[in-house]
């Protein structure tokens, strides 16, 4: 399985666009359709396409940082769990939104933290399923 020059050229332009789109979909998800799950699917699709295009199967790489999908799963689940526990610790019902105002950012709350946790969990799960399949296809093809 050889790297595709067409896919490489297209991804040089589309990869940043896909990541920005996934971030926008994730950010607006607690008010409109979308959210962490859909944003995570878009981001993981971009990352897996990049692994296919550039013939790497070493794991997710963000520049010089190599990251195992397991770390994304654990980090995302931890963030989601912690965001759901903020409300009971502040005297409210479980999973109720707790909001704070930050001067530069504005209102931010536990629903956003929960969406970010789901976002990273989905990226980790999809990547941990698809990256071994890519590696197996490359080994089976003789590369």
C-alpha atoms as a PDB file:
ATOM      1  CA  UNK A   1       0.000   0.000   0.000  1.00  0.00           C
ATOM      2  CA  UNK A   2       1.712   3.132  -1.248  1.00  0.00           C
ATOM      3  CA  UNK A   3       1.038   6.624   0.051  1.00  0.00           C
ATOM      4  CA  UNK A   4      -1.297   8.542  -2.252  1.00  0.00           C
ATOM      5  CA  UNK A   5       0.096  11.811  -3.574  1.00  0.00           C
ATOM      6  CA  UNK A   6      -3.415  13.085  -4.280  1.00  0.00           C
ATOM      7  CA  UNK A   7      -4.562  12.366  -0.738  1.00  0.00           C
ATOM      8  CA  UNK A   8      -1.408  13.990   0.664  1.00  0.00           C
ATOM      9  CA  UNK A   9      -1.951  17.145  -1.383  1.00  0.00           C
ATOM     10  CA  UNK A  10      -5.633  17.337  -0.445  1.00  0.00           C
ATOM     11  CA  UNK A  11      -4.948  16.785   3.248  1.00  0.00           C
ATOM     12  CA  UNK A  12      -2.400  19.573   3.407  1.00  0.00           C
ATOM     13  CA  UNK A  13      -5.349  21.902   2.801  1.00  0.00           C
ATOM     14  CA  UNK A  14      -8.215  19.927   4.340  1.00  0.00           C
ATOM     15  CA  UNK A  15      -6.609  18.666   7.564  1.00  0.00           C
ATOM     16  CA  UNK A  16      -6.582  22.064   9.341  1.00  0.00           C
ATOM     17  CA  UNK A  17     -10.065  22.802   8.000  1.00  0.00           C
ATOM     18  CA  UNK A  18     -11.405  19.485   9.356  1.00  0.00           C
ATOM     19  CA  UNK A  19      -9.860  20.106  12.785  1.00  0.00           C
ATOM     20  CA  UNK A  20     -11.299  23.633  12.980  1.00  0.00           C
ATOM     21  CA  UNK A  21     -14.694  22.331  11.872  1.00  0.00           C
ATOM     22  CA  UNK A  22     -14.599  19.628  14.539  1.00  0.00           C
ATOM     23  CA  UNK A  23     -13.780  22.251  17.173  1.00  0.00           C
ATOM     24  CA  UNK A  24     -16.645  24.495  16.074  1.00  0.00           C
ATOM     25  CA  UNK A  25     -19.105  21.578  16.039  1.00  0.00           C
ATOM     26  CA  UNK A  26     -17.908  20.507  19.499  1.00  0.00           C
ATOM     27  CA  UNK A  27     -18.104  24.035  20.927  1.00  0.00           C
ATOM     28  CA  UNK A  28     -21.645  24.758  19.770  1.00  0.00           C
ATOM     29  CA  UNK A  29     -22.934  21.322  20.712  1.00  0.00           C
ATOM     30  CA  UNK A  30     -24.425  22.151  24.084  1.00  0.00           C
ATOM     31  CA  UNK A  31     -26.775  24.686  22.438  1.00  0.00           C
ATOM     32  CA  UNK A  32     -27.346  23.253  18.929  1.00  0.00           C
ATOM     33  CA  UNK A  33     -26.980  19.861  17.201  1.00  0.00           C
ATOM     34  CA  UNK A  34     -23.434  18.579  17.300  1.00  0.00           C
ATOM     35  CA  UNK A  35     -21.334  18.342  20.387  1.00  0.00           C
ATOM     36  CA  UNK A  36     -18.435  16.288  21.567  1.00  0.00           C
ATOM     37  CA  UNK A  37     -19.458  13.104  19.799  1.00  0.00           C
ATOM     38  CA  UNK A  38     -19.884  14.549  16.316  1.00  0.00           C
ATOM     39  CA  UNK A  39     -16.861  16.826  16.695  1.00  0.00           C
ATOM     40  CA  UNK A  40     -14.770  13.863  17.842  1.00  0.00           C
ATOM     41  CA  UNK A  41     -15.839  11.836  14.805  1.00  0.00           C
ATOM     42  CA  UNK A  42     -14.791  14.641  12.469  1.00  0.00           C
ATOM     43  CA  UNK A  43     -11.418  15.088  14.213  1.00  0.00           C
ATOM     44  CA  UNK A  44     -10.671  11.357  14.344  1.00  0.00           C
ATOM     45  CA  UNK A  45     -11.558  11.044  10.656  1.00  0.00           C
ATOM     46  CA  UNK A  46      -9.051  13.780   9.851  1.00  0.00           C
ATOM     47  CA  UNK A  47      -6.346  12.144  11.985  1.00  0.00           C
ATOM     48  CA  UNK A  48      -6.899   8.683  10.511  1.00  0.00           C
ATOM     49  CA  UNK A  49      -6.907  10.089   6.970  1.00  0.00           C
ATOM     50  CA  UNK A  50      -3.578  11.743   7.710  1.00  0.00           C
ATOM     51  CA  UNK A  51      -2.158   8.453   8.951  1.00  0.00           C
ATOM     52  CA  UNK A  52      -3.350   6.789   5.736  1.00  0.00           C
ATOM     53  CA  UNK A  53      -2.007   9.519   3.479  1.00  0.00           C
ATOM     54  CA  UNK A  54       1.460   9.762   4.972  1.00  0.00           C
ATOM     55  CA  UNK A  55       1.954   6.017   5.617  1.00  0.00           C
ATOM     56  CA  UNK A  56       2.436   6.305   9.368  1.00  0.00           C
ATOM     57  CA  UNK A  57       0.945   3.818  11.794  1.00  0.00           C
ATOM     58  CA  UNK A  58       2.902   4.734  14.892  1.00  0.00           C
ATOM     59  CA  UNK A  59      -0.068   6.390  16.529  1.00  0.00           C
ATOM     60  CA  UNK A  60      -1.529   9.851  16.615  1.00  0.00           C
ATOM     61  CA  UNK A  61       1.054  12.556  16.187  1.00  0.00           C
ATOM     62  CA  UNK A  62       0.656  16.233  16.791  1.00  0.00           C
ATOM     63  CA  UNK A  63       3.916  17.674  15.545  1.00  0.00           C
ATOM     64  CA  UNK A  64       6.696  16.169  17.642  1.00  0.00           C
ATOM     65  CA  UNK A  65       4.229  14.874  20.225  1.00  0.00           C
ATOM     66  CA  UNK A  66       3.332  11.194  19.784  1.00  0.00           C
ATOM     67  CA  UNK A  67       0.171  10.297  21.640  1.00  0.00           C
ATOM     68  CA  UNK A  68      -1.420   6.923  22.276  1.00  0.00           C
ATOM     69  CA  UNK A  69      -5.206   6.817  21.771  1.00  0.00           C
ATOM     70  CA  UNK A  70      -5.466   5.259  25.239  1.00  0.00           C
ATOM     71  CA  UNK A  71      -4.343   8.522  26.832  1.00  0.00           C
ATOM     72  CA  UNK A  72      -7.100  10.378  24.993  1.00  0.00           C
ATOM     73  CA  UNK A  73      -9.694   7.841  26.166  1.00  0.00           C
ATOM     74  CA  UNK A  74      -8.591   7.995  29.798  1.00  0.00           C
ATOM     75  CA  UNK A  75      -8.257  11.785  29.781  1.00  0.00           C
ATOM     76  CA  UNK A  76     -11.634  12.293  28.120  1.00  0.00           C
ATOM     77  CA  UNK A  77     -13.453   9.918  30.465  1.00  0.00           C
ATOM     78  CA  UNK A  78     -11.793  11.539  33.469  1.00  0.00           C
ATOM     79  CA  UNK A  79     -12.763  15.044  32.342  1.00  0.00           C
ATOM     80  CA  UNK A  80     -16.369  13.976  31.681  1.00  0.00           C
ATOM     81  CA  UNK A  81     -16.631  12.238  35.054  1.00  0.00           C
ATOM     82  CA  UNK A  82     -15.132  15.177  36.934  1.00  0.00           C
ATOM     83  CA  UNK A  83     -17.434  17.647  35.190  1.00  0.00           C
ATOM     84  CA  UNK A  84     -20.461  15.626  36.267  1.00  0.00           C
ATOM     85  CA  UNK A  85     -19.327  15.666  39.908  1.00  0.00           C
ATOM     86  CA  UNK A  86     -18.999  19.453  40.173  1.00  0.00           C
ATOM     87  CA  UNK A  87     -22.740  19.991  40.684  1.00  0.00           C
ATOM     88  CA  UNK A  88     -23.179  17.602  43.666  1.00  0.00           C
ATOM     89  CA  UNK A  89     -20.087  19.089  45.289  1.00  0.00           C
ATOM     90  CA  UNK A  90     -21.628  22.561  44.991  1.00  0.00           C
ATOM     91  CA  UNK A  91     -24.999  21.486  46.418  1.00  0.00           C
ATOM     92  CA  UNK A  92     -26.888  20.946  43.164  1.00  0.00           C
ATOM     93  CA  UNK A  93     -28.292  17.837  41.510  1.00  0.00           C
ATOM     94  CA  UNK A  94     -26.059  15.362  39.660  1.00  0.00           C
ATOM     95  CA  UNK A  95     -25.099  16.495  36.111  1.00  0.00           C
ATOM     96  CA  UNK A  96     -26.734  19.914  36.574  1.00  0.00           C
ATOM     97  CA  UNK A  97     -24.816  22.653  34.791  1.00  0.00           C
ATOM     98  CA  UNK A  98     -22.583  24.874  36.889  1.00  0.00           C
ATOM     99  CA  UNK A  99     -21.413  28.061  35.168  1.00  0.00           C
ATOM    100  CA  UNK A 100     -18.683  30.545  36.002  1.00  0.00           C
ATOM    101  CA  UNK A 101     -17.752  33.807  34.359  1.00  0.00           C
ATOM    102  CA  UNK A 102     -14.175  34.268  33.134  1.00  0.00           C
ATOM    103  CA  UNK A 103     -13.289  37.858  32.122  1.00  0.00           C
ATOM    104  CA  UNK A 104     -11.743  37.167  28.713  1.00  0.00           C
ATOM    105  CA  UNK A 105     -13.640  33.987  27.745  1.00  0.00           C
ATOM    106  CA  UNK A 106     -17.108  34.680  29.153  1.00  0.00           C
ATOM    107  CA  UNK A 107     -19.448  32.106  30.696  1.00  0.00           C
ATOM    108  CA  UNK A 108     -18.086  28.586  30.742  1.00  0.00           C
ATOM    109  CA  UNK A 109     -19.547  25.618  32.519  1.00  0.00           C
ATOM    110  CA  UNK A 110     -19.618  21.944  33.151  1.00  0.00           C
ATOM    111  CA  UNK A 111     -21.595  21.102  29.955  1.00  0.00           C
ATOM    112  CA  UNK A 112     -18.686  22.434  27.914  1.00  0.00           C
ATOM    113  CA  UNK A 113     -16.196  20.409  29.983  1.00  0.00           C
ATOM    114  CA  UNK A 114     -18.373  17.313  29.514  1.00  0.00           C
ATOM    115  CA  UNK A 115     -18.448  17.884  25.721  1.00  0.00           C
ATOM    116  CA  UNK A 116     -14.663  18.286  25.620  1.00  0.00           C
ATOM    117  CA  UNK A 117     -14.299  15.008  27.541  1.00  0.00           C
ATOM    118  CA  UNK A 118     -16.604  13.216  25.103  1.00  0.00           C
ATOM    119  CA  UNK A 119     -14.674  14.807  22.208  1.00  0.00           C
ATOM    120  CA  UNK A 120     -11.341  13.366  23.362  1.00  0.00           C
ATOM    121  CA  UNK A 121     -12.883  10.006  24.252  1.00  0.00           C
ATOM    122  CA  UNK A 122     -14.389   9.605  20.774  1.00  0.00           C
ATOM    123  CA  UNK A 123     -11.105  10.568  19.098  1.00  0.00           C
ATOM    124  CA  UNK A 124      -9.287   7.965  21.207  1.00  0.00           C
ATOM    125  CA  UNK A 125     -11.813   5.176  20.653  1.00  0.00           C
ATOM    126  CA  UNK A 126     -12.144   5.658  16.885  1.00  0.00           C
ATOM    127  CA  UNK A 127      -8.374   5.949  16.490  1.00  0.00           C
ATOM    128  CA  UNK A 128      -7.697   2.868  18.607  1.00  0.00           C
ATOM    129  CA  UNK A 129     -10.068   0.894  16.361  1.00  0.00           C
ATOM    130  CA  UNK A 130      -8.940   2.224  12.975  1.00  0.00           C
ATOM    131  CA  UNK A 131      -5.154   2.574  13.393  1.00  0.00           C
ATOM    132  CA  UNK A 132      -4.588  -1.189  13.923  1.00  0.00           C
ATOM    133  CA  UNK A 133      -6.736  -1.889  10.856  1.00  0.00           C
ATOM    134  CA  UNK A 134      -4.561   0.461   8.798  1.00  0.00           C
ATOM    135  CA  UNK A 135      -1.425  -1.234  10.089  1.00  0.00           C
ATOM    136  CA  UNK A 136      -2.815  -4.687   9.323  1.00  0.00           C
ATOM    137  CA  UNK A 137      -3.743  -3.615   5.784  1.00  0.00           C
ATOM    138  CA  UNK A 138      -0.227  -2.276   5.222  1.00  0.00           C
ATOM    139  CA  UNK A 139       1.383  -5.452   6.549  1.00  0.00           C
ATOM    140  CA  UNK A 140      -0.948  -7.564   4.416  1.00  0.00           C
ATOM    141  CA  UNK A 141      -0.060  -5.517   1.345  1.00  0.00           C
ATOM    142  CA  UNK A 142       3.635  -6.242   1.814  1.00  0.00           C
ATOM    143  CA  UNK A 143       4.823  -2.795   2.968  1.00  0.00           C
END
